[in-house]
Amino acid sequence: MDHGDVLTAHLSRWQAEFGPSLRGEVRDGAVWLHGEVADHGRRQALAEAAGAALPDQVVVNAVTVACDEPVDDAVILRYLHAALVNAAEVTVETFTVEVGGGVVSLIGEVGSRAELAAAVDAAAAIRGVRRVTCLLRLAPDAQRRDLRIVEQVIERLCFTPGVDDRLIRVMATEGEVVLLGRVADATQAEQVERLAGEIDWVTAVRNRLEVDRR
């Protein structure tokens, strides 16, 4: 039995148990759930039921929670940003979020279907969200690695004493890192180059940092 057949076999029972508006589809290699439920408890129970029925499949839970009063878009956006930042699977730097009339749009790239599912789940769970429009696409593996490299280099620089990471720009292409900007002295330039070279997947480092003579 394929995933579509499994979904069809369970959907009517889930509609009876969690809400008649529930619907599902298999799209882009994942199972998508849409609709609305009465509360967060039912939403979580639905997620657990879907996970148990489809243990080897990514389930994208776009089901929202009913809300009696409309919630201001700015409030939704604030809570959503916090939820995405706290989601370990999600890299917020690779996509943007828009909210209008309670409809959340996710636009950009993600590295995996699991990350896409985590982003949609975080958005749909926010109070006041009526619907999630997912315009996320999977990034090519090489591009995704480059994004990770840039993030990790910047993170290392942020926690390196004496280095002003605001003056340094990091780029990566197919594992090759380019360092641009200014540092205090030649020793610091060498230190930054060494830190970048220690990151996983880095194949080469081009150090174009300039020493601040002031």
N, C-alpha and C. Protein backbone atom coordinates (compact mmCIF):
# COMPACT_ATOMS: atom_id res chain seq x y z
N MET A 1 0.85 -1.20 0.00
CA MET A 1 0.00 0.00 0.00
C MET A 1 0.88 1.24 0.00
N ASP A 2 0.66 2.16 -0.99
CA ASP A 2 1.49 3.37 -1.03
C ASP A 2 0.95 4.40 -0.06
N HIS A 3 1.69 5.56 0.02
CA HIS A 3 1.34 6.57 1.02
C HIS A 3 -0.03 7.18 0.76
N GLY A 4 -0.39 7.34 -0.52
CA GLY A 4 -1.71 7.86 -0.84
C GLY A 4 -2.82 6.96 -0.35
N ASP A 5 -2.63 5.66 -0.52
CA ASP A 5 -3.63 4.69 -0.06
C ASP A 5 -3.75 4.69 1.47
N VAL A 6 -2.60 4.79 2.15
CA VAL A 6 -2.61 4.85 3.62
C VAL A 6 -3.34 6.10 4.09
N LEU A 7 -3.05 7.23 3.44
CA LEU A 7 -3.72 8.48 3.81
C LEU A 7 -5.23 8.36 3.62
N THR A 8 -5.64 7.83 2.48
CA THR A 8 -7.07 7.68 2.21
C THR A 8 -7.74 6.77 3.23
N ALA A 9 -7.03 5.71 3.62
CA ALA A 9 -7.59 4.75 4.57
C ALA A 9 -7.83 5.37 5.94
N HIS A 10 -7.02 6.37 6.32
CA HIS A 10 -7.12 6.96 7.65
C HIS A 10 -7.89 8.28 7.67
N LEU A 11 -8.03 8.94 6.54
CA LEU A 11 -8.53 10.31 6.53
C LEU A 11 -9.95 10.43 7.08
N SER A 12 -10.83 9.52 6.69
CA SER A 12 -12.21 9.62 7.17
C SER A 12 -12.29 9.47 8.69
N ARG A 13 -11.46 8.60 9.24
CA ARG A 13 -11.44 8.44 10.71
C ARG A 13 -10.90 9.69 11.38
N TRP A 14 -9.85 10.29 10.80
CA TRP A 14 -9.30 11.52 11.36
C TRP A 14 -10.30 12.66 11.27
N GLN A 15 -11.07 12.70 10.18
CA GLN A 15 -12.09 13.74 10.05
C GLN A 15 -13.14 13.60 11.14
N ALA A 16 -13.52 12.38 11.44
CA ALA A 16 -14.52 12.15 12.48
C ALA A 16 -13.97 12.47 13.87
N GLU A 17 -12.69 12.19 14.07
CA GLU A 17 -12.09 12.37 15.39
C GLU A 17 -11.61 13.79 15.65
N PHE A 18 -11.04 14.44 14.61
CA PHE A 18 -10.40 15.74 14.84
C PHE A 18 -11.12 16.92 14.20
N GLY A 19 -11.89 16.69 13.13
CA GLY A 19 -12.61 17.79 12.51
C GLY A 19 -12.95 17.49 11.07
N PRO A 20 -14.18 17.84 10.64
CA PRO A 20 -14.63 17.48 9.29
C PRO A 20 -13.93 18.24 8.18
N SER A 21 -13.24 19.35 8.51
CA SER A 21 -12.59 20.14 7.45
C SER A 21 -11.24 19.56 7.03
N LEU A 22 -10.78 18.52 7.74
CA LEU A 22 -9.46 17.95 7.42
C LEU A 22 -9.44 17.36 6.02
N ARG A 23 -8.34 17.60 5.34
CA ARG A 23 -8.11 16.98 4.04
C ARG A 23 -6.62 16.71 3.90
N GLY A 24 -6.28 15.81 3.02
CA GLY A 24 -4.87 15.45 2.86
C GLY A 24 -4.53 15.19 1.41
N GLU A 25 -3.23 15.25 1.13
CA GLU A 25 -2.74 14.98 -0.22
C GLU A 25 -1.29 14.55 -0.13
N VAL A 26 -0.84 13.85 -1.15
CA VAL A 26 0.57 13.51 -1.29
C VAL A 26 1.14 14.42 -2.36
N ARG A 27 2.14 15.23 -1.97
CA ARG A 27 2.70 16.22 -2.89
C ARG A 27 4.19 16.39 -2.64
N ASP A 28 4.95 16.41 -3.72
CA ASP A 28 6.40 16.64 -3.64
C ASP A 28 7.09 15.70 -2.66
N GLY A 29 6.67 14.46 -2.66
CA GLY A 29 7.32 13.46 -1.82
C GLY A 29 6.96 13.52 -0.35
N ALA A 30 5.91 14.26 0.01
CA ALA A 30 5.50 14.37 1.41
C ALA A 30 3.98 14.27 1.50
N VAL A 31 3.48 13.91 2.68
CA VAL A 31 2.05 13.90 2.94
C VAL A 31 1.67 15.22 3.58
N TRP A 32 0.71 15.91 2.99
CA TRP A 32 0.26 17.21 3.49
C TRP A 32 -1.11 17.07 4.14
N LEU A 33 -1.26 17.70 5.30
CA LEU A 33 -2.54 17.76 5.98
C LEU A 33 -2.99 19.22 6.05
N HIS A 34 -4.26 19.48 5.67
CA HIS A 34 -4.81 20.82 5.68
C HIS A 34 -6.12 20.81 6.47
N GLY A 35 -6.59 22.03 6.79
CA GLY A 35 -7.87 22.15 7.46
C GLY A 35 -7.74 22.89 8.78
N GLU A 36 -8.73 22.69 9.64
CA GLU A 36 -8.77 23.40 10.92
C GLU A 36 -9.30 22.47 12.00
N VAL A 37 -8.71 22.57 13.19
CA VAL A 37 -9.18 21.81 14.35
C VAL A 37 -9.53 22.78 15.47
N ALA A 38 -10.18 22.26 16.51
CA ALA A 38 -10.72 23.12 17.55
C ALA A 38 -9.67 23.67 18.50
N ASP A 39 -8.61 22.91 18.76
CA ASP A 39 -7.62 23.35 19.74
C ASP A 39 -6.27 22.69 19.47
N HIS A 40 -5.27 23.16 20.20
CA HIS A 40 -3.90 22.66 20.00
C HIS A 40 -3.76 21.20 20.41
N GLY A 41 -4.56 20.77 21.38
CA GLY A 41 -4.51 19.37 21.78
C GLY A 41 -4.90 18.44 20.65
N ARG A 42 -5.97 18.79 19.95
CA ARG A 42 -6.39 17.97 18.80
C ARG A 42 -5.35 18.04 17.68
N ARG A 43 -4.76 19.20 17.49
CA ARG A 43 -3.74 19.33 16.43
C ARG A 43 -2.54 18.42 16.73
N GLN A 44 -2.11 18.40 18.00
CA GLN A 44 -0.99 17.55 18.37
C GLN A 44 -1.36 16.08 18.25
N ALA A 45 -2.57 15.73 18.64
CA ALA A 45 -3.02 14.34 18.54
C ALA A 45 -3.08 13.89 17.08
N LEU A 46 -3.52 14.79 16.20
CA LEU A 46 -3.55 14.48 14.77
C LEU A 46 -2.14 14.23 14.24
N ALA A 47 -1.20 15.08 14.65
CA ALA A 47 0.19 14.92 14.21
C ALA A 47 0.74 13.57 14.65
N GLU A 48 0.45 13.18 15.88
CA GLU A 48 0.92 11.89 16.39
C GLU A 48 0.27 10.73 15.64
N ALA A 49 -1.02 10.85 15.34
CA ALA A 49 -1.71 9.79 14.61
C ALA A 49 -1.15 9.64 13.20
N ALA A 50 -0.89 10.78 12.55
CA ALA A 50 -0.34 10.74 11.19
C ALA A 50 1.08 10.16 11.20
N GLY A 51 1.86 10.52 12.19
CA GLY A 51 3.21 9.99 12.30
C GLY A 51 3.23 8.49 12.52
N ALA A 52 2.27 8.01 13.31
CA ALA A 52 2.19 6.57 13.57
C ALA A 52 1.71 5.82 12.33
N ALA A 53 0.82 6.41 11.56
CA ALA A 53 0.29 5.75 10.37
C ALA A 53 1.28 5.78 9.22
N LEU A 54 2.14 6.81 9.20
CA LEU A 54 3.10 6.98 8.10
C LEU A 54 4.49 7.18 8.68
N PRO A 55 5.04 6.17 9.34
CA PRO A 55 6.30 6.34 10.08
C PRO A 55 7.51 6.64 9.21
N ASP A 56 7.48 6.24 7.94
CA ASP A 56 8.63 6.44 7.07
C ASP A 56 8.42 7.59 6.10
N GLN A 57 7.46 8.47 6.38
CA GLN A 57 7.11 9.54 5.46
C GLN A 57 7.12 10.88 6.17
N VAL A 58 7.57 11.92 5.48
CA VAL A 58 7.50 13.28 6.02
C VAL A 58 6.05 13.74 5.97
N VAL A 59 5.52 14.15 7.11
CA VAL A 59 4.14 14.67 7.18
C VAL A 59 4.21 16.17 7.41
N VAL A 60 3.62 16.93 6.49
CA VAL A 60 3.59 18.39 6.61
C VAL A 60 2.24 18.78 7.21
N ASN A 61 2.28 19.22 8.46
CA ASN A 61 1.04 19.53 9.19
C ASN A 61 0.71 21.01 9.03
N ALA A 62 -0.11 21.31 8.02
CA ALA A 62 -0.53 22.69 7.77
C ALA A 62 -1.89 22.99 8.39
N VAL A 63 -2.33 22.13 9.29
CA VAL A 63 -3.63 22.28 9.95
C VAL A 63 -3.54 23.42 10.97
N THR A 64 -4.49 24.36 10.92
CA THR A 64 -4.50 25.48 11.85
C THR A 64 -5.50 25.23 12.97
N VAL A 65 -5.45 26.12 13.97
CA VAL A 65 -6.33 26.00 15.14
C VAL A 65 -7.37 27.11 15.09
N ALA A 66 -8.62 26.77 15.32
CA ALA A 66 -9.71 27.74 15.29
C ALA A 66 -9.48 28.84 16.32
N CYS A 67 -9.81 30.08 15.92
CA CYS A 67 -9.63 31.22 16.82
C CYS A 67 -10.86 32.12 16.70
N ASP A 68 -11.51 32.41 17.85
CA ASP A 68 -12.75 33.19 17.83
C ASP A 68 -12.52 34.64 17.43
N GLU A 69 -11.41 35.21 17.86
CA GLU A 69 -11.12 36.61 17.59
C GLU A 69 -9.93 36.72 16.65
N PRO A 70 -9.98 37.63 15.66
CA PRO A 70 -8.83 37.82 14.77
C PRO A 70 -7.62 38.35 15.54
N VAL A 71 -6.44 37.91 15.14
CA VAL A 71 -5.19 38.34 15.77
C VAL A 71 -4.45 39.24 14.80
N ASP A 72 -3.92 40.34 15.31
CA ASP A 72 -3.20 41.29 14.46
C ASP A 72 -2.03 40.61 13.75
N ASP A 73 -1.84 40.94 12.47
CA ASP A 73 -0.77 40.31 11.69
C ASP A 73 0.60 40.53 12.31
N ALA A 74 0.81 41.73 12.89
CA ALA A 74 2.12 42.03 13.50
C ALA A 74 2.38 41.11 14.69
N VAL A 75 1.33 40.79 15.43
CA VAL A 75 1.47 39.88 16.57
C VAL A 75 1.79 38.47 16.07
N ILE A 76 1.07 38.03 15.04
CA ILE A 76 1.35 36.71 14.46
C ILE A 76 2.79 36.63 13.99
N LEU A 77 3.24 37.68 13.29
CA LEU A 77 4.60 37.68 12.75
C LEU A 77 5.64 37.61 13.87
N ARG A 78 5.41 38.33 14.95
CA ARG A 78 6.36 38.33 16.07
C ARG A 78 6.47 36.94 16.70
N TYR A 79 5.33 36.32 16.95
CA TYR A 79 5.35 34.98 17.55
C TYR A 79 5.92 33.94 16.58
N LEU A 80 5.64 34.12 15.30
CA LEU A 80 6.14 33.16 14.32
C LEU A 80 7.66 33.24 14.20
N HIS A 81 8.19 34.45 14.17
CA HIS A 81 9.65 34.59 14.11
C HIS A 81 10.31 33.89 15.31
N ALA A 82 9.74 34.08 16.48
CA ALA A 82 10.29 33.44 17.68
C ALA A 82 10.22 31.92 17.56
N ALA A 83 9.09 31.41 17.04
CA ALA A 83 8.93 29.96 16.90
C ALA A 83 9.93 29.39 15.90
N LEU A 84 10.15 30.09 14.80
CA LEU A 84 11.08 29.59 13.78
C LEU A 84 12.52 29.63 14.29
N VAL A 85 12.89 30.68 15.00
CA VAL A 85 14.24 30.78 15.55
C VAL A 85 14.50 29.64 16.54
N ASN A 86 13.48 29.26 17.30
CA ASN A 86 13.63 28.22 18.31
C ASN A 86 13.48 26.80 17.75
N ALA A 87 13.12 26.69 16.47
CA ALA A 87 12.98 25.37 15.86
C ALA A 87 14.34 24.90 15.38
N ALA A 88 14.85 23.84 15.99
CA ALA A 88 16.21 23.38 15.70
C ALA A 88 16.40 22.98 14.24
N GLU A 89 15.34 22.50 13.60
CA GLU A 89 15.47 22.00 12.22
C GLU A 89 15.45 23.11 11.18
N VAL A 90 15.10 24.34 11.60
CA VAL A 90 14.84 25.41 10.63
C VAL A 90 15.99 26.41 10.59
N THR A 91 16.39 26.78 9.38
CA THR A 91 17.39 27.83 9.17
C THR A 91 16.67 29.07 8.64
N VAL A 92 16.41 30.03 9.51
CA VAL A 92 15.54 31.14 9.14
C VAL A 92 16.18 32.09 8.13
N GLU A 93 17.51 32.02 7.98
CA GLU A 93 18.18 32.94 7.06
C GLU A 93 17.90 32.63 5.59
N THR A 94 17.34 31.47 5.29
CA THR A 94 17.19 31.06 3.89
C THR A 94 15.80 31.31 3.32
N PHE A 95 14.88 31.85 4.11
CA PHE A 95 13.56 32.16 3.57
C PHE A 95 12.95 33.33 4.32
N THR A 96 11.91 33.91 3.74
CA THR A 96 11.22 35.05 4.34
C THR A 96 9.80 34.66 4.72
N VAL A 97 9.23 35.47 5.61
CA VAL A 97 7.87 35.23 6.10
C VAL A 97 7.04 36.49 5.88
N GLU A 98 5.85 36.30 5.33
CA GLU A 98 4.90 37.40 5.15
C GLU A 98 3.57 37.01 5.77
N VAL A 99 2.88 37.99 6.37
CA VAL A 99 1.57 37.73 6.99
C VAL A 99 0.60 38.80 6.52
N GLY A 100 -0.56 38.37 6.04
CA GLY A 100 -1.60 39.29 5.62
C GLY A 100 -2.96 38.69 5.85
N GLY A 101 -3.77 39.35 6.67
CA GLY A 101 -5.10 38.84 6.95
C GLY A 101 -5.10 37.48 7.61
N GLY A 102 -4.09 37.19 8.38
CA GLY A 102 -3.99 35.90 9.05
C GLY A 102 -3.44 34.78 8.19
N VAL A 103 -3.10 35.10 6.94
CA VAL A 103 -2.52 34.09 6.04
C VAL A 103 -1.00 34.26 6.04
N VAL A 104 -0.29 33.21 6.38
CA VAL A 104 1.18 33.22 6.43
C VAL A 104 1.73 32.68 5.11
N SER A 105 2.67 33.41 4.53
CA SER A 105 3.37 32.94 3.34
C SER A 105 4.83 32.69 3.68
N LEU A 106 5.32 31.50 3.36
CA LEU A 106 6.72 31.14 3.57
C LEU A 106 7.37 31.09 2.19
N ILE A 107 8.41 31.91 1.99
CA ILE A 107 8.98 32.08 0.65
C ILE A 107 10.50 31.92 0.72
N GLY A 108 11.04 31.03 -0.11
CA GLY A 108 12.50 30.88 -0.14
C GLY A 108 12.91 29.43 -0.32
N GLU A 109 14.02 29.07 0.33
CA GLU A 109 14.59 27.74 0.17
C GLU A 109 14.82 27.07 1.51
N VAL A 110 14.73 25.75 1.49
CA VAL A 110 15.06 24.94 2.66
C VAL A 110 15.93 23.78 2.20
N GLY A 111 16.58 23.16 3.14
CA GLY A 111 17.53 22.11 2.79
C GLY A 111 16.96 20.72 2.72
N SER A 112 15.73 20.53 3.24
CA SER A 112 15.16 19.19 3.24
C SER A 112 13.65 19.27 3.42
N ARG A 113 12.96 18.18 3.13
CA ARG A 113 11.52 18.12 3.36
C ARG A 113 11.21 18.21 4.85
N ALA A 114 12.09 17.66 5.67
CA ALA A 114 11.88 17.74 7.12
C ALA A 114 11.92 19.19 7.60
N GLU A 115 12.83 19.99 7.03
CA GLU A 115 12.90 21.40 7.41
C GLU A 115 11.65 22.14 6.92
N LEU A 116 11.20 21.82 5.71
CA LEU A 116 9.97 22.42 5.20
C LEU A 116 8.81 22.09 6.13
N ALA A 117 8.70 20.83 6.52
CA ALA A 117 7.62 20.42 7.41
C ALA A 117 7.69 21.15 8.74
N ALA A 118 8.89 21.33 9.28
CA ALA A 118 9.05 22.02 10.56
C ALA A 118 8.63 23.48 10.45
N ALA A 119 8.96 24.14 9.34
CA ALA A 119 8.60 25.54 9.15
C ALA A 119 7.09 25.71 9.02
N VAL A 120 6.46 24.85 8.22
CA VAL A 120 5.01 24.92 8.05
C VAL A 120 4.31 24.62 9.36
N ASP A 121 4.79 23.63 10.09
CA ASP A 121 4.19 23.27 11.37
C ASP A 121 4.26 24.43 12.35
N ALA A 122 5.42 25.09 12.41
CA ALA A 122 5.58 26.23 13.32
C ALA A 122 4.62 27.35 12.96
N ALA A 123 4.43 27.60 11.67
CA ALA A 123 3.53 28.67 11.23
C ALA A 123 2.07 28.35 11.52
N ALA A 124 1.66 27.12 11.19
CA ALA A 124 0.25 26.75 11.35
C ALA A 124 -0.17 26.69 12.81
N ALA A 125 0.77 26.48 13.71
CA ALA A 125 0.45 26.35 15.13
C ALA A 125 0.25 27.69 15.83
N ILE A 126 0.61 28.79 15.18
CA ILE A 126 0.49 30.10 15.81
C ILE A 126 -0.97 30.52 15.91
N ARG A 127 -1.35 31.03 17.07
CA ARG A 127 -2.74 31.48 17.27
C ARG A 127 -3.07 32.61 16.30
N GLY A 128 -4.21 32.48 15.64
CA GLY A 128 -4.67 33.52 14.72
C GLY A 128 -4.36 33.24 13.27
N VAL A 129 -3.50 32.26 12.99
CA VAL A 129 -3.18 31.93 11.59
C VAL A 129 -4.35 31.17 10.98
N ARG A 130 -4.84 31.67 9.85
CA ARG A 130 -5.98 31.03 9.17
C ARG A 130 -5.53 30.01 8.12
N ARG A 131 -4.39 30.29 7.51
CA ARG A 131 -3.90 29.40 6.47
C ARG A 131 -2.41 29.64 6.26
N VAL A 132 -1.69 28.60 5.83
CA VAL A 132 -0.27 28.73 5.52
C VAL A 132 -0.08 28.46 4.03
N THR A 133 0.49 29.45 3.34
CA THR A 133 0.84 29.28 1.93
C THR A 133 2.33 28.99 1.86
N CYS A 134 2.66 27.80 1.41
CA CYS A 134 4.07 27.37 1.40
C CYS A 134 4.64 27.53 0.00
N LEU A 135 5.56 28.47 -0.14
CA LEU A 135 6.27 28.71 -1.39
C LEU A 135 7.75 28.37 -1.23
N LEU A 136 8.02 27.44 -0.33
CA LEU A 136 9.39 27.00 -0.09
C LEU A 136 9.79 25.95 -1.11
N ARG A 137 11.03 26.00 -1.54
CA ARG A 137 11.55 24.98 -2.46
C ARG A 137 12.83 24.41 -1.87
N LEU A 138 13.13 23.20 -2.27
CA LEU A 138 14.34 22.54 -1.78
C LEU A 138 15.55 23.12 -2.49
N ALA A 139 16.55 23.52 -1.71
CA ALA A 139 17.79 24.03 -2.29
C ALA A 139 18.66 22.87 -2.75
N PRO A 140 19.40 23.05 -3.83
CA PRO A 140 20.36 22.02 -4.23
C PRO A 140 21.34 21.73 -3.10
N ASP A 141 21.81 20.50 -3.04
CA ASP A 141 22.69 20.11 -1.93
C ASP A 141 23.92 20.99 -1.81
N ALA A 142 24.56 21.29 -2.92
CA ALA A 142 25.78 22.10 -2.86
C ALA A 142 25.49 23.50 -2.34
N GLN A 143 24.39 24.08 -2.81
CA GLN A 143 24.02 25.41 -2.35
C GLN A 143 23.69 25.39 -0.87
N ARG A 144 23.01 24.33 -0.44
CA ARG A 144 22.66 24.22 0.96
C ARG A 144 23.91 24.11 1.83
N ARG A 145 24.88 23.36 1.38
CA ARG A 145 26.13 23.26 2.14
C ARG A 145 26.81 24.62 2.24
N ASP A 146 26.79 25.37 1.14
CA ASP A 146 27.41 26.70 1.17
C ASP A 146 26.73 27.61 2.18
N LEU A 147 25.40 27.54 2.25
CA LEU A 147 24.68 28.34 3.22
C LEU A 147 25.07 27.95 4.64
N ARG A 148 25.19 26.66 4.87
CA ARG A 148 25.60 26.18 6.19
C ARG A 148 27.01 26.64 6.54
N ILE A 149 27.88 26.61 5.56
CA ILE A 149 29.25 27.05 5.78
C ILE A 149 29.26 28.51 6.22
N VAL A 150 28.55 29.35 5.48
CA VAL A 150 28.51 30.78 5.82
C VAL A 150 27.97 30.99 7.23
N GLU A 151 26.90 30.28 7.56
CA GLU A 151 26.31 30.41 8.90
C GLU A 151 27.30 30.01 9.98
N GLN A 152 28.02 28.92 9.77
CA GLN A 152 28.94 28.43 10.80
C GLN A 152 30.15 29.33 10.94
N VAL A 153 30.65 29.87 9.83
CA VAL A 153 31.78 30.80 9.93
C VAL A 153 31.37 32.04 10.70
N ILE A 154 30.21 32.60 10.35
CA ILE A 154 29.74 33.81 11.04
C ILE A 154 29.54 33.53 12.53
N GLU A 155 28.99 32.37 12.83
CA GLU A 155 28.78 32.02 14.25
C GLU A 155 30.11 31.93 15.00
N ARG A 156 31.11 31.32 14.37
CA ARG A 156 32.43 31.23 15.01
C ARG A 156 33.00 32.63 15.25
N LEU A 157 32.85 33.51 14.27
CA LEU A 157 33.39 34.87 14.39
C LEU A 157 32.69 35.65 15.51
N CYS A 158 31.38 35.41 15.65
CA CYS A 158 30.62 36.12 16.69
C CYS A 158 31.16 35.83 18.09
N PHE A 159 31.70 34.63 18.27
CA PHE A 159 32.17 34.21 19.59
C PHE A 159 33.70 34.24 19.71
N THR A 160 34.35 34.93 18.78
CA THR A 160 35.80 35.05 18.84
C THR A 160 36.17 36.41 19.44
N PRO A 161 36.79 36.43 20.60
CA PRO A 161 37.14 37.70 21.25
C PRO A 161 38.03 38.57 20.36
N GLY A 162 37.72 39.85 20.34
CA GLY A 162 38.54 40.80 19.60
C GLY A 162 38.18 40.97 18.14
N VAL A 163 37.37 40.07 17.60
CA VAL A 163 36.99 40.13 16.19
C VAL A 163 35.63 40.81 16.07
N ASP A 164 35.57 41.86 15.27
CA ASP A 164 34.30 42.56 15.02
C ASP A 164 33.67 41.94 13.77
N ASP A 165 32.77 40.99 13.98
CA ASP A 165 32.18 40.27 12.85
C ASP A 165 31.33 41.16 11.96
N ARG A 166 30.94 42.35 12.46
CA ARG A 166 30.14 43.27 11.65
C ARG A 166 30.94 43.83 10.48
N LEU A 167 32.27 43.79 10.58
CA LEU A 167 33.13 44.34 9.54
C LEU A 167 33.59 43.27 8.54
N ILE A 168 33.12 42.04 8.72
CA ILE A 168 33.58 40.93 7.88
C ILE A 168 32.40 40.35 7.11
N ARG A 169 32.61 40.16 5.82
CA ARG A 169 31.60 39.53 4.98
C ARG A 169 32.11 38.16 4.55
N VAL A 170 31.24 37.16 4.65
CA VAL A 170 31.63 35.79 4.32
C VAL A 170 30.78 35.30 3.14
N MET A 171 31.43 34.74 2.14
CA MET A 171 30.74 34.11 1.01
C MET A 171 31.29 32.71 0.82
N ALA A 172 30.49 31.83 0.24
CA ALA A 172 30.93 30.47 -0.03
C ALA A 172 30.33 29.99 -1.34
N THR A 173 31.16 29.37 -2.16
CA THR A 173 30.71 28.80 -3.43
C THR A 173 31.36 27.44 -3.60
N GLU A 174 30.52 26.41 -3.61
CA GLU A 174 30.99 25.04 -3.76
C GLU A 174 32.12 24.72 -2.77
N GLY A 175 31.96 25.18 -1.55
CA GLY A 175 32.91 24.88 -0.49
C GLY A 175 34.06 25.85 -0.36
N GLU A 176 34.24 26.72 -1.34
CA GLU A 176 35.32 27.71 -1.27
C GLU A 176 34.81 28.98 -0.58
N VAL A 177 35.48 29.37 0.49
CA VAL A 177 35.08 30.52 1.29
C VAL A 177 35.90 31.75 0.89
N VAL A 178 35.21 32.88 0.74
CA VAL A 178 35.87 34.15 0.48
C VAL A 178 35.59 35.07 1.65
N LEU A 179 36.66 35.63 2.24
CA LEU A 179 36.55 36.54 3.37
C LEU A 179 36.82 37.96 2.90
N LEU A 180 35.86 38.86 3.14
CA LEU A 180 35.99 40.26 2.75
C LEU A 180 35.76 41.15 3.96
N GLY A 181 36.32 42.36 3.92
CA GLY A 181 36.10 43.29 5.01
C GLY A 181 37.39 43.75 5.65
N ARG A 182 37.30 44.17 6.92
CA ARG A 182 38.44 44.73 7.63
C ARG A 182 38.65 44.04 8.97
N VAL A 183 39.92 43.94 9.33
CA VAL A 183 40.30 43.41 10.65
C VAL A 183 41.35 44.34 11.26
N ALA A 184 41.66 44.12 12.55
CA ALA A 184 42.55 45.03 13.26
C ALA A 184 44.00 44.92 12.81
N ASP A 185 44.46 43.68 12.52
CA ASP A 185 45.85 43.49 12.15
C ASP A 185 46.02 42.19 11.37
N ALA A 186 47.25 41.96 10.93
CA ALA A 186 47.52 40.77 10.11
C ALA A 186 47.32 39.48 10.90
N THR A 187 47.62 39.52 12.18
CA THR A 187 47.43 38.33 13.01
C THR A 187 45.96 37.94 13.08
N GLN A 188 45.11 38.95 13.19
CA GLN A 188 43.67 38.68 13.24
C GLN A 188 43.17 38.15 11.90
N ALA A 189 43.74 38.65 10.81
CA ALA A 189 43.36 38.16 9.48
C ALA A 189 43.69 36.67 9.36
N GLU A 190 44.84 36.28 9.85
CA GLU A 190 45.24 34.87 9.82
C GLU A 190 44.34 34.03 10.72
N GLN A 191 43.96 34.61 11.86
CA GLN A 191 43.08 33.89 12.79
C GLN A 191 41.72 33.62 12.15
N VAL A 192 41.16 34.62 11.49
CA VAL A 192 39.86 34.45 10.83
C VAL A 192 39.96 33.42 9.71
N GLU A 193 41.03 33.46 8.95
CA GLU A 193 41.22 32.49 7.87
C GLU A 193 41.30 31.07 8.44
N ARG A 194 42.01 30.91 9.54
CA ARG A 194 42.15 29.59 10.15
C ARG A 194 40.80 29.08 10.67
N LEU A 195 40.01 29.97 11.29
CA LEU A 195 38.69 29.57 11.79
C LEU A 195 37.78 29.10 10.65
N ALA A 196 37.83 29.83 9.53
CA ALA A 196 37.00 29.46 8.39
C ALA A 196 37.43 28.11 7.82
N GLY A 197 38.71 27.87 7.79
CA GLY A 197 39.21 26.62 7.24
C GLY A 197 38.90 25.40 8.06
N GLU A 198 38.53 25.60 9.34
CA GLU A 198 38.21 24.48 10.22
C GLU A 198 36.76 24.00 10.10
N ILE A 199 35.94 24.76 9.36
CA ILE A 199 34.53 24.41 9.23
C ILE A 199 34.38 23.22 8.27
N ASP A 200 33.45 22.32 8.60
CA ASP A 200 33.17 21.17 7.75
C ASP A 200 32.76 21.62 6.35
N TRP A 201 33.19 20.85 5.34
CA TRP A 201 32.85 21.05 3.93
C TRP A 201 33.65 22.17 3.27
N VAL A 202 34.45 22.92 4.03
CA VAL A 202 35.25 23.99 3.41
C VAL A 202 36.42 23.36 2.66
N THR A 203 36.53 23.68 1.37
CA THR A 203 37.60 23.12 0.54
C THR A 203 38.77 24.08 0.36
N ALA A 204 38.50 25.38 0.50
CA ALA A 204 39.55 26.39 0.34
C ALA A 204 39.07 27.70 0.95
N VAL A 205 40.02 28.54 1.33
CA VAL A 205 39.69 29.86 1.89
C VAL A 205 40.49 30.93 1.14
N ARG A 206 39.80 31.90 0.59
CA ARG A 206 40.45 33.06 -0.02
C ARG A 206 40.34 34.23 0.94
N ASN A 207 41.48 34.64 1.46
CA ASN A 207 41.51 35.70 2.47
C ASN A 207 41.74 37.05 1.79
N ARG A 208 40.67 37.81 1.66
CA ARG A 208 40.76 39.15 1.07
C ARG A 208 40.51 40.23 2.10
N LEU A 209 40.75 39.89 3.34
CA LEU A 209 40.56 40.85 4.43
C LEU A 209 41.64 41.93 4.37
N GLU A 210 41.24 43.15 4.66
CA GLU A 210 42.16 44.28 4.69
C GLU A 210 42.44 44.66 6.13
N VAL A 211 43.67 45.03 6.41
CA VAL A 211 44.05 45.46 7.76
C VAL A 211 43.71 46.93 7.91
N ASP A 212 42.99 47.23 8.97
CA ASP A 212 42.60 48.61 9.24
C ASP A 212 43.82 49.39 9.73
N ARG A 213 44.28 50.36 8.93
CA ARG A 213 45.50 51.11 9.27
C ARG A 213 45.23 52.28 10.17
N ARG A 214 43.96 52.55 10.45
CA ARG A 214 43.67 53.76 11.24
C ARG A 214 44.14 53.61 12.67
